[in-house]
C-alpha atoms as a PDB file:
ATOM      1  CA  MET A   1      17.467   5.233  15.775  1.00  0.00           C
ATOM      2  CA  GLN A   2      18.547   5.425  19.251  1.00  0.00           C
ATOM      3  CA  ASN A   3      20.914   2.323  18.509  1.00  0.00           C
ATOM      4  CA  GLU A   4      22.647   3.999  15.973  1.00  0.00           C
ATOM      5  CA  ALA A   5      23.005   7.202  17.817  1.00  0.00           C
ATOM      6  CA  SER A   6      24.630   5.284  20.864  1.00  0.00           C
ATOM      7  CA  SER A   7      26.945   3.359  18.463  1.00  0.00           C
ATOM      8  CA  VAL A   8      28.766   6.590  16.650  1.00  0.00           C
ATOM      9  CA  ASN A   9      31.599   8.956  17.776  1.00  0.00           C
ATOM     10  CA  ASP A  10      30.059  12.071  16.150  1.00  0.00           C
ATOM     11  CA  GLN A  11      28.171  13.667  19.027  1.00  0.00           C
ATOM     12  CA  LYS A  12      26.112  16.473  17.178  1.00  0.00           C
ATOM     13  CA  TRP A  13      24.871  13.751  14.762  1.00  0.00           C
ATOM     14  CA  ALA A  14      24.066  11.355  17.509  1.00  0.00           C
ATOM     15  CA  ALA A  15      21.948  14.238  19.399  1.00  0.00           C
ATOM     16  CA  GLN A  16      20.145  15.269  16.241  1.00  0.00           C
ATOM     17  CA  THR A  17      19.426  11.358  15.715  1.00  0.00           C
ATOM     18  CA  ARG A  18      18.063  11.203  19.421  1.00  0.00           C
ATOM     19  CA  LEU A  19      16.008  14.243  18.843  1.00  0.00           C
ATOM     20  CA  ALA A  20      14.380  12.904  15.719  1.00  0.00           C
ATOM     21  CA  ALA A  21      13.882   9.582  17.273  1.00  0.00           C
ATOM     22  CA  GLY A  22      11.878  11.093  19.707  1.00  0.00           C
ATOM     23  CA  ARG A  23       9.889  13.231  17.404  1.00  0.00           C
ATOM     24  CA  PHE A  24       6.036  12.599  17.012  1.00  0.00           C
ATOM     25  CA  GLY A  25       4.404  14.107  14.218  1.00  0.00           C
ATOM     26  CA  TRP A  26       1.498  15.974  15.916  1.00  0.00           C
ATOM     27  CA  ARG A  27       0.424  17.509  12.374  1.00  0.00           C
ATOM     28  CA  GLY A  28       0.169  13.968  11.038  1.00  0.00           C
ATOM     29  CA  ALA A  29      -1.814  12.843  13.980  1.00  0.00           C
ATOM     30  CA  GLY A  30      -4.384  15.594  13.891  1.00  0.00           C
ATOM     31  CA  LEU A  31      -4.935  15.198  10.049  1.00  0.00           C
ATOM     32  CA  SER A  32      -5.503  11.477  10.832  1.00  0.00           C
ATOM     33  CA  ALA A  33      -7.817  11.888  13.662  1.00  0.00           C
ATOM     34  CA  ALA A  34      -9.882  14.288  11.869  1.00  0.00           C
ATOM     35  CA  VAL A  35     -10.265  11.851   9.065  1.00  0.00           C
ATOM     36  CA  PHE A  36     -10.975   8.951  11.288  1.00  0.00           C
ATOM     37  CA  ALA A  37     -13.304  11.009  13.510  1.00  0.00           C
ATOM     38  CA  ALA A  38     -15.299  11.957  10.235  1.00  0.00           C
ATOM     39  CA  LEU A  39     -15.451   8.380   9.270  1.00  0.00           C
ATOM     40  CA  GLY A  40     -17.135   7.627  12.686  1.00  0.00           C
ATOM     41  CA  MET A  41     -19.334  10.311  12.555  1.00  0.00           C
ATOM     42  CA  GLY A  42     -20.249   9.177   8.870  1.00  0.00           C
ATOM     43  CA  MET A  43     -21.064   5.640   9.804  1.00  0.00           C
ATOM     44  CA  VAL A  44     -23.432   6.640  12.540  1.00  0.00           C
ATOM     45  CA  LEU A  45     -25.218   9.238  10.366  1.00  0.00           C
ATOM     46  CA  LEU A  46     -25.272   6.713   7.391  1.00  0.00           C
ATOM     47  CA  THR A  47     -26.707   4.149   9.858  1.00  0.00           C
ATOM     48  CA  GLN A  48     -29.414   6.559  11.142  1.00  0.00           C
ATOM     49  CA  PHE A  49     -30.640   7.729   7.883  1.00  0.00           C
ATOM     50  CA  PHE A  50     -30.190   5.146   5.177  1.00  0.00           C
ATOM     51  CA  TRP A  51     -30.589   1.953   7.212  1.00  0.00           C
ATOM     52  CA  LEU A  52     -32.894   3.444   9.944  1.00  0.00           C
ATOM     53  CA  HIS A  53     -31.049   2.160  13.288  1.00  0.00           C
ATOM     54  CA  ASP A  54     -30.596  -1.360  11.549  1.00  0.00           C
ATOM     55  CA  ALA A  55     -26.929  -1.530  10.115  1.00  0.00           C
ATOM     56  CA  PRO A  56     -26.263  -4.149   7.370  1.00  0.00           C
ATOM     57  CA  ALA A  57     -24.210  -7.135   7.869  1.00  0.00           C
ATOM     58  CA  GLY A  58     -21.344  -5.965   5.945  1.00  0.00           C
ATOM     59  CA  LEU A  59     -20.936  -2.444   7.694  1.00  0.00           C
ATOM     60  CA  TRP A  60     -17.875  -3.390   9.992  1.00  0.00           C
ATOM     61  CA  PRO A  61     -15.982  -5.272   7.252  1.00  0.00           C
ATOM     62  CA  GLY A  62     -16.418  -1.981   5.063  1.00  0.00           C
ATOM     63  CA  VAL A  63     -15.137   0.268   7.804  1.00  0.00           C
ATOM     64  CA  MET A  64     -12.137  -1.819   8.281  1.00  0.00           C
ATOM     65  CA  LEU A  65     -11.586  -1.737   4.578  1.00  0.00           C
ATOM     66  CA  GLY A  66     -12.241   1.899   4.693  1.00  0.00           C
ATOM     67  CA  SER A  67      -9.785   2.134   7.427  1.00  0.00           C
ATOM     68  CA  GLY A  68      -6.986   0.350   5.584  1.00  0.00           C
ATOM     69  CA  VAL A  69      -7.886   2.754   2.328  1.00  0.00           C
ATOM     70  CA  LEU A  70      -7.579   5.804   4.634  1.00  0.00           C
ATOM     71  CA  GLY A  71      -4.437   4.635   6.285  1.00  0.00           C
ATOM     72  CA  ALA A  72      -2.544   4.108   2.658  1.00  0.00           C
ATOM     73  CA  LEU A  73      -3.884   7.489   1.457  1.00  0.00           C
ATOM     74  CA  LEU A  74      -2.449   9.110   4.941  1.00  0.00           C
ATOM     75  CA  GLY A  75       0.630   7.230   4.211  1.00  0.00           C
ATOM     76  CA  LEU A  76       0.796   8.746   0.733  1.00  0.00           C
ATOM     77  CA  ARG A  77       0.810  12.206   2.200  1.00  0.00           C
ATOM     78  CA  TRP A  78       3.689  11.221   4.466  1.00  0.00           C
ATOM     79  CA  VAL A  79       1.813  10.387   7.831  1.00  0.00           C
ATOM     80  CA  GLY A  80       3.776   7.978   9.707  1.00  0.00           C
ATOM     81  CA  PRO A  81       2.502   4.642  10.429  1.00  0.00           C
ATOM     82  CA  LEU A  82       2.355   5.744  14.495  1.00  0.00           C
ATOM     83  CA  GLU A  83       0.582   8.709  13.498  1.00  0.00           C
ATOM     84  CA  ALA A  84      -2.201   7.168  11.338  1.00  0.00           C
ATOM     85  CA  GLY A  85      -2.845   4.427  14.148  1.00  0.00           C
ATOM     86  CA  ALA A  86      -3.016   7.132  17.029  1.00  0.00           C
ATOM     87  CA  GLY A  87      -5.625   9.157  14.771  1.00  0.00           C
ATOM     88  CA  ALA A  88      -7.510   6.306  13.798  1.00  0.00           C
ATOM     89  CA  LEU A  89      -8.463   6.067  17.642  1.00  0.00           C
ATOM     90  CA  ALA A  90     -10.486   9.110  16.878  1.00  0.00           C
ATOM     91  CA  PHE A  91     -12.889   7.059  15.146  1.00  0.00           C
ATOM     92  CA  LEU A  92     -14.895   6.189  18.448  1.00  0.00           C
ATOM     93  CA  PRO A  93     -14.989   9.522  19.656  1.00  0.00           C
ATOM     94  CA  GLY A  94     -16.263  10.935  16.132  1.00  0.00           C
ATOM     95  CA  ALA A  95     -19.098   8.280  16.054  1.00  0.00           C
ATOM     96  CA  TRP A  96     -19.985   9.462  19.800  1.00  0.00           C
ATOM     97  CA  LEU A  97     -20.144  12.900  18.481  1.00  0.00           C
ATOM     98  CA  GLY A  98     -22.535  11.647  15.672  1.00  0.00           C
ATOM     99  CA  VAL A  99     -24.738  10.250  18.698  1.00  0.00           C
ATOM    100  CA  VAL A 100     -24.641  13.343  20.486  1.00  0.00           C
ATOM    101  CA  VAL A 101     -25.679  15.374  17.588  1.00  0.00           C
ATOM    102  CA  LEU A 102     -28.642  13.109  16.585  1.00  0.00           C
ATOM    103  CA  GLN A 103     -29.677  13.084  20.103  1.00  0.00           C
ATOM    104  CA  ALA A 104     -29.708  16.932  20.243  1.00  0.00           C
ATOM    105  CA  VAL A 105     -31.259  16.925  16.924  1.00  0.00           C
ATOM    106  CA  LEU A 106     -33.960  13.992  16.874  1.00  0.00           C
ATOM    107  CA  GLY A 107     -34.449  13.554  20.563  1.00  0.00           C
ATOM    108  CA  ASP A 108     -35.609  10.260  21.664  1.00  0.00           C
ATOM    109  CA  ALA A 109     -35.848   9.013  17.830  1.00  0.00           C
ATOM    110  CA  ALA A 110     -31.969   9.018  17.814  1.00  0.00           C
ATOM    111  CA  PRO A 111     -29.505   5.944  18.604  1.00  0.00           C
ATOM    112  CA  ARG A 112     -28.446   5.460  22.147  1.00  0.00           C
ATOM    113  CA  ASP A 113     -24.821   4.285  21.167  1.00  0.00           C
ATOM    114  CA  PRO A 114     -22.792   4.224  17.892  1.00  0.00           C
ATOM    115  CA  GLY A 115     -22.995   0.447  17.274  1.00  0.00           C
ATOM    116  CA  VAL A 116     -19.316  -0.086  17.545  1.00  0.00           C
ATOM    117  CA  ALA A 117     -17.760  -2.229  20.420  1.00  0.00           C
ATOM    118  CA  ASP A 118     -15.057  -0.140  22.181  1.00  0.00           C
ATOM    119  CA  GLN A 119     -12.396  -2.509  21.381  1.00  0.00           C
ATOM    120  CA  GLY A 120     -13.108  -2.443  17.717  1.00  0.00           C
ATOM    121  CA  VAL A 121     -11.221   0.923  17.555  1.00  0.00           C
ATOM    122  CA  THR A 122      -7.805  -0.913  18.284  1.00  0.00           C
ATOM    123  CA  VAL A 123      -8.521  -3.155  15.352  1.00  0.00           C
ATOM    124  CA  LEU A 124      -8.909   0.157  12.956  1.00  0.00           C
ATOM    125  CA  ALA A 125      -5.708   1.684  14.501  1.00  0.00           C
ATOM    126  CA  VAL A 126      -3.749  -1.435  13.525  1.00  0.00           C
ATOM    127  CA  ILE A 127      -5.036  -1.648  10.184  1.00  0.00           C
ATOM    128  CA  ALA A 128      -4.596   2.357   9.469  1.00  0.00           C
ATOM    129  CA  ALA A 129      -0.761   1.788  10.867  1.00  0.00           C
ATOM    130  CA  CYS A 130       0.054  -1.125   8.893  1.00  0.00           C
ATOM    131  CA  ALA A 131      -1.480   0.753   5.601  1.00  0.00           C
ATOM    132  CA  ALA A 132       0.473   3.616   6.149  1.00  0.00           C
ATOM    133  CA  GLY A 133       3.585   1.866   7.106  1.00  0.00           C
ATOM    134  CA  SER A 134       3.204  -0.303   3.938  1.00  0.00           C
ATOM    135  CA  VAL A 135       2.771   2.317   1.527  1.00  0.00           C
ATOM    136  CA  GLN A 136       5.494   4.311   2.823  1.00  0.00           C
ATOM    137  CA  SER A 137       7.818   1.332   2.533  1.00  0.00           C
ATOM    138  CA  TRP A 138       6.696   0.835  -0.973  1.00  0.00           C
ATOM    139  CA  ALA A 139       7.450   4.357  -1.846  1.00  0.00           C
ATOM    140  CA  ALA A 140      10.950   4.388  -0.199  1.00  0.00           C
ATOM    141  CA  LEU A 141      11.632   0.838  -2.002  1.00  0.00           C
ATOM    142  CA  ARG A 142      10.203   2.231  -5.379  1.00  0.00           C
ATOM    143  CA  ARG A 143      12.371   5.666  -4.795  1.00  0.00           C
ATOM    144  CA  SER A 144      15.462   3.447  -4.218  1.00  0.00           C
ATOM    145  CA  ARG A 145      15.382   1.577  -7.273  1.00  0.00           C
ATOM    146  CA  THR A 146      14.951   4.771  -9.575  1.00  0.00           C
ATOM    147  CA  VAL A 147      18.137   6.178  -7.880  1.00  0.00           C
END
């Protein structure tokens, strides 16, 4: 969009385009962050109460698949790929919040960490961003064919 704005003669349109290019969807990022923080907290709580500290082997692939599904659903709600990916970074703080809540409630019986590698969150962010972007591209393509 920045290149488009610099290559036209209409200054008013160019200024609006530059402004739109710099706009970040805080509402979409907040929604995405809330969803992914809940996913992180839910993973910790499931591990604690259903699997008693011993997470099944398929938990992380399931979380990655869930991240893709959540990213696609966010894309359907017109949350942009950047916002979905940025919000997915809230997965780890949500998981740590679950650990802290369990430590406050259960004391020494609570887990000491969420059981997720810190760098794994970047994988979730990429998956969510790609899913949201793919859904939006697909929807735009579908709309352009009907018009």
